[in-house]
All heavy atoms as atom14 arrays in JSON, in Angstrom:
{
  "sequence": "RDDAVGLSSTAIAVDVAEFHRLAASEDVTALRQAAQLY",
  "atom14_mask": [
    [1, 1, 1, 1, 1, 1, 1, 1, 1, 1, 1, 0, 0, 0],
    [1, 1, 1, 1, 1, 1, 1, 1, 0, 0, 0, 0, 0, 0],
    [1, 1, 1, 1, 1, 1, 1, 1, 0, 0, 0, 0, 0, 0],
    [1, 1, 1, 1, 1, 0, 0, 0, 0, 0, 0, 0, 0, 0],
    [1, 1, 1, 1, 1, 1, 1, 0, 0, 0, 0, 0, 0, 0],
    [1, 1, 1, 1, 0, 0, 0, 0, 0, 0, 0, 0, 0, 0],
    [1, 1, 1, 1, 1, 1, 1, 1, 0, 0, 0, 0, 0, 0],
    [1, 1, 1, 1, 1, 1, 0, 0, 0, 0, 0, 0, 0, 0],
    [1, 1, 1, 1, 1, 1, 0, 0, 0, 0, 0, 0, 0, 0],
    [1, 1, 1, 1, 1, 1, 1, 0, 0, 0, 0, 0, 0, 0],
    [1, 1, 1, 1, 1, 0, 0, 0, 0, 0, 0, 0, 0, 0],
    [1, 1, 1, 1, 1, 1, 1, 1, 0, 0, 0, 0, 0, 0],
    [1, 1, 1, 1, 1, 0, 0, 0, 0, 0, 0, 0, 0, 0],
    [1, 1, 1, 1, 1, 1, 1, 0, 0, 0, 0, 0, 0, 0],
    [1, 1, 1, 1, 1, 1, 1, 1, 0, 0, 0, 0, 0, 0],
    [1, 1, 1, 1, 1, 1, 1, 0, 0, 0, 0, 0, 0, 0],
    [1, 1, 1, 1, 1, 0, 0, 0, 0, 0, 0, 0, 0, 0],
    [1, 1, 1, 1, 1, 1, 1, 1, 1, 0, 0, 0, 0, 0],
    [1, 1, 1, 1, 1, 1, 1, 1, 1, 1, 1, 0, 0, 0],
    [1, 1, 1, 1, 1, 1, 1, 1, 1, 1, 0, 0, 0, 0],
    [1, 1, 1, 1, 1, 1, 1, 1, 1, 1, 1, 0, 0, 0],
    [1, 1, 1, 1, 1, 1, 1, 1, 0, 0, 0, 0, 0, 0],
    [1, 1, 1, 1, 1, 0, 0, 0, 0, 0, 0, 0, 0, 0],
    [1, 1, 1, 1, 1, 0, 0, 0, 0, 0, 0, 0, 0, 0],
    [1, 1, 1, 1, 1, 1, 0, 0, 0, 0, 0, 0, 0, 0],
    [1, 1, 1, 1, 1, 1, 1, 1, 1, 0, 0, 0, 0, 0],
    [1, 1, 1, 1, 1, 1, 1, 1, 0, 0, 0, 0, 0, 0],
    [1, 1, 1, 1, 1, 1, 1, 0, 0, 0, 0, 0, 0, 0],
    [1, 1, 1, 1, 1, 1, 1, 0, 0, 0, 0, 0, 0, 0],
    [1, 1, 1, 1, 1, 0, 0, 0, 0, 0, 0, 0, 0, 0],
    [1, 1, 1, 1, 1, 1, 1, 1, 0, 0, 0, 0, 0, 0],
    [1, 1, 1, 1, 1, 1, 1, 1, 1, 1, 1, 0, 0, 0],
    [1, 1, 1, 1, 1, 1, 1, 1, 1, 0, 0, 0, 0, 0],
    [1, 1, 1, 1, 1, 0, 0, 0, 0, 0, 0, 0, 0, 0],
    [1, 1, 1, 1, 1, 0, 0, 0, 0, 0, 0, 0, 0, 0],
    [1, 1, 1, 1, 1, 1, 1, 1, 1, 0, 0, 0, 0, 0],
    [1, 1, 1, 1, 1, 1, 1, 1, 0, 0, 0, 0, 0, 0],
    [1, 1, 1, 1, 1, 1, 1, 1, 1, 1, 1, 1, 0, 0]
  ],
  "atom14_positions": [
    [[85.95, -85.03, 101.43], [87.2, -84.48, 100.92], [87.8, -83.59, 101.98], [87.13, -82.72, 102.54], [86.99, -83.67, 99.65], [86.34, -84.43, 98.51], [86.43, -83.61, 97.23], [85.6, -84.2, 96.2], [84.47, -83.66, 95.74], [84.06, -82.51, 96.24], [83.77, -84.26, 94.8], [0.0, 0.0, 0.0], [0.0, 0.0, 0.0], [0.0, 0.0, 0.0]],
    [[89.07, -83.78, 102.28], [89.77, -82.97, 103.27], [88.97, -82.95, 104.57], [88.7, -83.99, 105.14], [90.03, -81.56, 102.74], [90.87, -81.57, 101.47], [91.67, -82.52, 101.32], [90.72, -80.67, 100.64], [0.0, 0.0, 0.0], [0.0, 0.0, 0.0], [0.0, 0.0, 0.0], [0.0, 0.0, 0.0], [0.0, 0.0, 0.0], [0.0, 0.0, 0.0]],
    [[88.53, -81.76, 105.01], [87.83, -81.66, 106.3], [86.33, -81.61, 106.13], [85.6, -81.31, 107.07], [88.31, -80.41, 107.05], [87.93, -80.44, 108.52], [88.06, -81.52, 109.13], [87.47, -79.42, 109.05], [0.0, 0.0, 0.0], [0.0, 0.0, 0.0], [0.0, 0.0, 0.0], [0.0, 0.0, 0.0], [0.0, 0.0, 0.0], [0.0, 0.0, 0.0]],
    [[85.8, -81.87, 104.94], [84.37, -81.74, 104.69], [83.74, -83.09, 104.35], [84.33, -83.9, 103.64], [84.12, -80.75, 103.55], [0.0, 0.0, 0.0], [0.0, 0.0, 0.0], [0.0, 0.0, 0.0], [0.0, 0.0, 0.0], [0.0, 0.0, 0.0], [0.0, 0.0, 0.0], [0.0, 0.0, 0.0], [0.0, 0.0, 0.0], [0.0, 0.0, 0.0]],
    [[82.54, -83.31, 104.87], [81.75, -84.5, 104.56], [80.37, -84.03, 104.14], [79.8, -83.14, 104.77], [81.64, -85.44, 105.78], [80.77, -86.64, 105.45], [83.01, -85.88, 106.26], [0.0, 0.0, 0.0], [0.0, 0.0, 0.0], [0.0, 0.0, 0.0], [0.0, 0.0, 0.0], [0.0, 0.0, 0.0], [0.0, 0.0, 0.0], [0.0, 0.0, 0.0]],
    [[79.84, -84.61, 103.08], [78.53, -84.16, 102.6], [77.77, -85.26, 101.9], [78.3, -86.35, 101.63], [0.0, 0.0, 0.0], [0.0, 0.0, 0.0], [0.0, 0.0, 0.0], [0.0, 0.0, 0.0], [0.0, 0.0, 0.0], [0.0, 0.0, 0.0], [0.0, 0.0, 0.0], [0.0, 0.0, 0.0], [0.0, 0.0, 0.0], [0.0, 0.0, 0.0]],
    [[76.49, -84.97, 101.64], [75.64, -85.87, 100.87], [75.45, -85.31, 99.47], [75.23, -84.1, 99.32], [74.27, -86.02, 101.54], [74.22, -86.75, 102.88], [72.79, -86.72, 103.44], [74.69, -88.17, 102.74], [0.0, 0.0, 0.0], [0.0, 0.0, 0.0], [0.0, 0.0, 0.0], [0.0, 0.0, 0.0], [0.0, 0.0, 0.0], [0.0, 0.0, 0.0]],
    [[75.5, -86.16, 98.47], [75.32, -85.72, 97.1], [73.87, -85.31, 96.86], [72.94, -86.04, 97.23], [75.69, -86.85, 96.13], [75.24, -86.55, 94.83], [0.0, 0.0, 0.0], [0.0, 0.0, 0.0], [0.0, 0.0, 0.0], [0.0, 0.0, 0.0], [0.0, 0.0, 0.0], [0.0, 0.0, 0.0], [0.0, 0.0, 0.0], [0.0, 0.0, 0.0]],
    [[73.69, -84.16, 96.24], [72.34, -83.67, 95.96], [71.68, -84.39, 94.79], [70.46, -84.31, 94.63], [72.39, -82.17, 95.67], [73.18, -81.93, 94.52], [0.0, 0.0, 0.0], [0.0, 0.0, 0.0], [0.0, 0.0, 0.0], [0.0, 0.0, 0.0], [0.0, 0.0, 0.0], [0.0, 0.0, 0.0], [0.0, 0.0, 0.0], [0.0, 0.0, 0.0]],
    [[72.44, -85.07, 93.99], [71.89, -85.76, 92.82], [71.69, -87.25, 93.05], [70.91, -87.88, 92.34], [72.8, -85.57, 91.6], [74.12, -86.04, 91.93], [72.88, -84.1, 91.21], [0.0, 0.0, 0.0], [0.0, 0.0, 0.0], [0.0, 0.0, 0.0], [0.0, 0.0, 0.0], [0.0, 0.0, 0.0], [0.0, 0.0, 0.0], [0.0, 0.0, 0.0]],
    [[72.37, -87.81, 94.06], [72.28, -89.26, 94.27], [71.27, -89.65, 95.33], [70.82, -90.79, 95.36], [73.66, -89.8, 94.66], [0.0, 0.0, 0.0], [0.0, 0.0, 0.0], [0.0, 0.0, 0.0], [0.0, 0.0, 0.0], [0.0, 0.0, 0.0], [0.0, 0.0, 0.0], [0.0, 0.0, 0.0], [0.0, 0.0, 0.0], [0.0, 0.0, 0.0]],
    [[70.91, -88.71, 96.21], [69.99, -89.05, 97.3], [68.99, -87.93, 97.51], [69.34, -86.75, 97.48], [70.77, -89.35, 98.6], [69.82, -89.87, 99.69], [71.54, -88.14, 99.08], [70.54, -90.46, 100.89], [0.0, 0.0, 0.0], [0.0, 0.0, 0.0], [0.0, 0.0, 0.0], [0.0, 0.0, 0.0], [0.0, 0.0, 0.0], [0.0, 0.0, 0.0]],
    [[67.72, -88.3, 97.66], [66.66, -87.33, 97.96], [66.25, -87.53, 99.42], [66.12, -88.66, 99.88], [65.46, -87.56, 97.04], [0.0, 0.0, 0.0], [0.0, 0.0, 0.0], [0.0, 0.0, 0.0], [0.0, 0.0, 0.0], [0.0, 0.0, 0.0], [0.0, 0.0, 0.0], [0.0, 0.0, 0.0], [0.0, 0.0, 0.0], [0.0, 0.0, 0.0]],
    [[66.03, -86.44, 100.13], [65.71, -86.49, 101.55], [64.35, -85.83, 101.78], [64.1, -84.73, 101.26], [66.8, -85.79, 102.38], [66.49, -85.91, 103.87], [68.17, -86.39, 102.08], [0.0, 0.0, 0.0], [0.0, 0.0, 0.0], [0.0, 0.0, 0.0], [0.0, 0.0, 0.0], [0.0, 0.0, 0.0], [0.0, 0.0, 0.0], [0.0, 0.0, 0.0]],
    [[63.5, -86.49, 102.56], [62.16, -85.95, 102.77], [62.17, -84.6, 103.49], [61.3, -83.76, 103.27], [61.28, -86.95, 103.53], [61.82, -87.32, 104.9], [62.96, -86.96, 105.22], [61.08, -88.0, 105.67], [0.0, 0.0, 0.0], [0.0, 0.0, 0.0], [0.0, 0.0, 0.0], [0.0, 0.0, 0.0], [0.0, 0.0, 0.0], [0.0, 0.0, 0.0]],
    [[63.18, -84.35, 104.33], [63.25, -83.06, 105.03], [63.42, -81.93, 104.03], [62.78, -80.87, 104.13], [64.39, -83.05, 106.05], [64.45, -81.7, 106.78], [64.23, -84.17, 107.07], [0.0, 0.0, 0.0], [0.0, 0.0, 0.0], [0.0, 0.0, 0.0], [0.0, 0.0, 0.0], [0.0, 0.0, 0.0], [0.0, 0.0, 0.0], [0.0, 0.0, 0.0]],
    [[64.31, -82.13, 103.06], [64.53, -81.1, 102.05], [63.27, -80.88, 101.21], [62.91, -79.74, 100.89], [65.69, -81.5, 101.14], [0.0, 0.0, 0.0], [0.0, 0.0, 0.0], [0.0, 0.0, 0.0], [0.0, 0.0, 0.0], [0.0, 0.0, 0.0], [0.0, 0.0, 0.0], [0.0, 0.0, 0.0], [0.0, 0.0, 0.0], [0.0, 0.0, 0.0]],
    [[62.59, -81.96, 100.86], [61.35, -81.84, 100.09], [60.27, -81.14, 100.9], [59.49, -80.34, 100.38], [60.89, -83.23, 99.65], [59.65, -83.24, 98.78], [59.84, -82.62, 97.4], [60.98, -82.18, 97.08], [58.86, -82.56, 96.64], [0.0, 0.0, 0.0], [0.0, 0.0, 0.0], [0.0, 0.0, 0.0], [0.0, 0.0, 0.0], [0.0, 0.0, 0.0]],
    [[60.23, -81.44, 102.2], [59.27, -80.76, 103.09], [59.48, -79.26, 103.07], [58.52, -78.48, 102.93], [59.41, -81.31, 104.51], [58.66, -80.5, 105.54], [57.3, -80.7, 105.74], [59.31, -79.54, 106.3], [56.6, -79.95, 106.68], [58.62, -78.79, 107.24], [57.26, -78.99, 107.43], [0.0, 0.0, 0.0], [0.0, 0.0, 0.0], [0.0, 0.0, 0.0]],
    [[60.73, -78.81, 103.24], [61.01, -77.37, 103.25], [60.64, -76.73, 101.92], [60.1, -75.62, 101.89], [62.49, -77.14, 103.54], [62.88, -77.4, 104.96], [62.21, -76.85, 106.03], [63.87, -78.16, 105.49], [62.77, -77.25, 107.16], [63.76, -78.05, 106.86], [0.0, 0.0, 0.0], [0.0, 0.0, 0.0], [0.0, 0.0, 0.0], [0.0, 0.0, 0.0]],
    [[60.91, -77.42, 100.82], [60.59, -76.87, 99.5], [59.09, -76.68, 99.33], [58.63, -75.62, 98.9], [61.14, -77.78, 98.4], [60.99, -77.21, 97.0], [61.43, -78.21, 95.94], [60.5, -79.32, 95.81], [59.36, -79.28, 95.12], [58.99, -78.16, 94.51], [58.58, -80.34, 95.04], [0.0, 0.0, 0.0], [0.0, 0.0, 0.0], [0.0, 0.0, 0.0]],
    [[58.34, -77.7, 99.69], [56.89, -77.63, 99.53], [56.25, -76.65, 100.52], [55.3, -75.92, 100.19], [56.28, -79.02, 99.73], [56.62, -80.06, 98.66], [56.2, -81.45, 99.12], [55.94, -79.72, 97.34], [0.0, 0.0, 0.0], [0.0, 0.0, 0.0], [0.0, 0.0, 0.0], [0.0, 0.0, 0.0], [0.0, 0.0, 0.0], [0.0, 0.0, 0.0]],
    [[56.77, -76.61, 101.74], [56.19, -75.73, 102.77], [56.39, -74.26, 102.45], [55.67, -73.41, 102.95], [56.8, -76.06, 104.13], [0.0, 0.0, 0.0], [0.0, 0.0, 0.0], [0.0, 0.0, 0.0], [0.0, 0.0, 0.0], [0.0, 0.0, 0.0], [0.0, 0.0, 0.0], [0.0, 0.0, 0.0], [0.0, 0.0, 0.0], [0.0, 0.0, 0.0]],
    [[57.37, -73.94, 101.61], [57.62, -72.55, 101.23], [56.65, -72.05, 100.17], [56.6, -70.86, 99.87], [59.05, -72.39, 100.74], [0.0, 0.0, 0.0], [0.0, 0.0, 0.0], [0.0, 0.0, 0.0], [0.0, 0.0, 0.0], [0.0, 0.0, 0.0], [0.0, 0.0, 0.0], [0.0, 0.0, 0.0], [0.0, 0.0, 0.0], [0.0, 0.0, 0.0]],
    [[55.86, -72.96, 99.61], [54.94, -72.61, 98.53], [53.66, -71.97, 99.1], [53.32, -72.13, 100.26], [54.57, -73.86, 97.73], [53.58, -73.58, 96.78], [0.0, 0.0, 0.0], [0.0, 0.0, 0.0], [0.0, 0.0, 0.0], [0.0, 0.0, 0.0], [0.0, 0.0, 0.0], [0.0, 0.0, 0.0], [0.0, 0.0, 0.0], [0.0, 0.0, 0.0]],
    [[52.96, -71.24, 98.23], [51.65, -70.7, 98.57], [50.54, -71.54, 97.93], [49.36, -71.27, 98.12], [51.53, -69.24, 98.08], [52.46, -68.28, 98.79], [52.19, -68.21, 100.29], [51.0, -68.29, 100.69], [53.15, -68.09, 101.06], [0.0, 0.0, 0.0], [0.0, 0.0, 0.0], [0.0, 0.0, 0.0], [0.0, 0.0, 0.0], [0.0, 0.0, 0.0]],
    [[50.92, -72.58, 97.21], [49.95, -73.45, 96.55], [49.4, -74.47, 97.54], [50.18, -75.16, 98.23], [50.63, -74.17, 95.38], [49.69, -75.12, 94.67], [48.73, -74.65, 94.05], [49.91, -76.35, 94.79], [0.0, 0.0, 0.0], [0.0, 0.0, 0.0], [0.0, 0.0, 0.0], [0.0, 0.0, 0.0], [0.0, 0.0, 0.0], [0.0, 0.0, 0.0]],
    [[48.09, -74.6, 97.62], [47.49, -75.48, 98.61], [47.85, -76.94, 98.38], [48.02, -77.71, 99.34], [45.96, -75.28, 98.63], [45.31, -75.78, 97.34], [45.33, -75.97, 99.84], [0.0, 0.0, 0.0], [0.0, 0.0, 0.0], [0.0, 0.0, 0.0], [0.0, 0.0, 0.0], [0.0, 0.0, 0.0], [0.0, 0.0, 0.0], [0.0, 0.0, 0.0]],
    [[48.02, -77.34, 97.13], [48.4, -78.73, 96.85], [49.79, -79.03, 97.4], [50.03, -80.1, 97.98], [48.37, -79.0, 95.33], [47.05, -78.76, 94.83], [48.76, -80.44, 95.03], [0.0, 0.0, 0.0], [0.0, 0.0, 0.0], [0.0, 0.0, 0.0], [0.0, 0.0, 0.0], [0.0, 0.0, 0.0], [0.0, 0.0, 0.0], [0.0, 0.0, 0.0]],
    [[50.71, -78.09, 97.23], [52.07, -78.26, 97.76], [52.05, -78.32, 99.29], [52.77, -79.13, 99.9], [52.96, -77.12, 97.29], [0.0, 0.0, 0.0], [0.0, 0.0, 0.0], [0.0, 0.0, 0.0], [0.0, 0.0, 0.0], [0.0, 0.0, 0.0], [0.0, 0.0, 0.0], [0.0, 0.0, 0.0], [0.0, 0.0, 0.0], [0.0, 0.0, 0.0]],
    [[51.22, -77.5, 99.92], [51.12, -77.52, 101.38], [50.57, -78.85, 101.87], [51.01, -79.38, 102.89], [50.24, -76.37, 101.86], [50.72, -74.95, 101.55], [49.76, -73.92, 102.11], [52.12, -74.72, 102.11], [0.0, 0.0, 0.0], [0.0, 0.0, 0.0], [0.0, 0.0, 0.0], [0.0, 0.0, 0.0], [0.0, 0.0, 0.0], [0.0, 0.0, 0.0]],
    [[49.6, -79.4, 101.14], [49.08, -80.72, 101.51], [50.16, -81.79, 101.42], [50.27, -82.67, 102.28], [47.9, -81.09, 100.61], [46.63, -80.28, 100.84], [45.64, -80.54, 99.72], [44.43, -79.74, 99.86], [43.6, -79.48, 98.86], [43.85, -79.97, 97.65], [42.52, -78.75, 99.05], [0.0, 0.0, 0.0], [0.0, 0.0, 0.0], [0.0, 0.0, 0.0]],
    [[50.94, -81.72, 100.36], [52.01, -82.71, 100.18], [53.05, -82.59, 101.29], [53.55, -83.6, 101.79], [52.66, -82.52, 98.81], [51.75, -82.88, 97.64], [52.34, -82.49, 96.3], [53.3, -81.72, 96.23], [51.77, -83.02, 95.23], [0.0, 0.0, 0.0], [0.0, 0.0, 0.0], [0.0, 0.0, 0.0], [0.0, 0.0, 0.0], [0.0, 0.0, 0.0]],
    [[53.38, -81.35, 101.67], [54.33, -81.13, 102.77], [53.8, -81.72, 104.07], [54.54, -82.38, 104.82], [54.61, -79.65, 102.93], [0.0, 0.0, 0.0], [0.0, 0.0, 0.0], [0.0, 0.0, 0.0], [0.0, 0.0, 0.0], [0.0, 0.0, 0.0], [0.0, 0.0, 0.0], [0.0, 0.0, 0.0], [0.0, 0.0, 0.0], [0.0, 0.0, 0.0]],
    [[52.51, -81.51, 104.33], [51.9, -82.04, 105.55], [51.95, -83.56, 105.57], [52.15, -84.18, 106.62], [50.47, -81.54, 105.67], [0.0, 0.0, 0.0], [0.0, 0.0, 0.0], [0.0, 0.0, 0.0], [0.0, 0.0, 0.0], [0.0, 0.0, 0.0], [0.0, 0.0, 0.0], [0.0, 0.0, 0.0], [0.0, 0.0, 0.0], [0.0, 0.0, 0.0]],
    [[51.77, -84.19, 104.42], [51.8, -85.66, 104.35], [53.19, -86.21, 104.62], [53.33, -87.33, 105.11], [51.31, -86.11, 102.98], [49.82, -85.88, 102.74], [49.39, -86.19, 101.32], [50.23, -86.52, 100.47], [48.1, -86.09, 101.04], [0.0, 0.0, 0.0], [0.0, 0.0, 0.0], [0.0, 0.0, 0.0], [0.0, 0.0, 0.0], [0.0, 0.0, 0.0]],
    [[54.22, -85.44, 104.3], [55.58, -85.91, 104.49], [55.95, -86.06, 105.97], [56.8, -86.87, 106.33], [56.58, -84.95, 103.82], [56.7, -85.04, 102.3], [57.62, -83.95, 101.77], [57.22, -86.42, 101.88], [0.0, 0.0, 0.0], [0.0, 0.0, 0.0], [0.0, 0.0, 0.0], [0.0, 0.0, 0.0], [0.0, 0.0, 0.0], [0.0, 0.0, 0.0]],
    [[55.31, -85.25, 106.82], [55.63, -85.3, 108.24], [54.89, -86.47, 108.88], [53.78, -86.35, 109.38], [55.26, -83.98, 108.92], [55.81, -83.84, 110.32], [57.13, -83.43, 110.53], [55.02, -84.1, 111.43], [57.64, -83.31, 111.82], [55.51, -83.97, 112.72], [56.82, -83.57, 112.9], [57.33, -83.44, 114.18], [0.0, 0.0, 0.0], [0.0, 0.0, 0.0]]
  ]
}
C-alpha cells in the first residue's frame, strides 16, 4: 500500500521469526527447538 510493502503475519509463518521467539525463552525445550531450526 502506498510506499510500504510487507508480509502478512497471519498468512505466512517464517522460520526466522520462530527462531527468535524460541531463542528468547529460558525453557530448554524451546532452546532445543530453536537450535533445530537453524
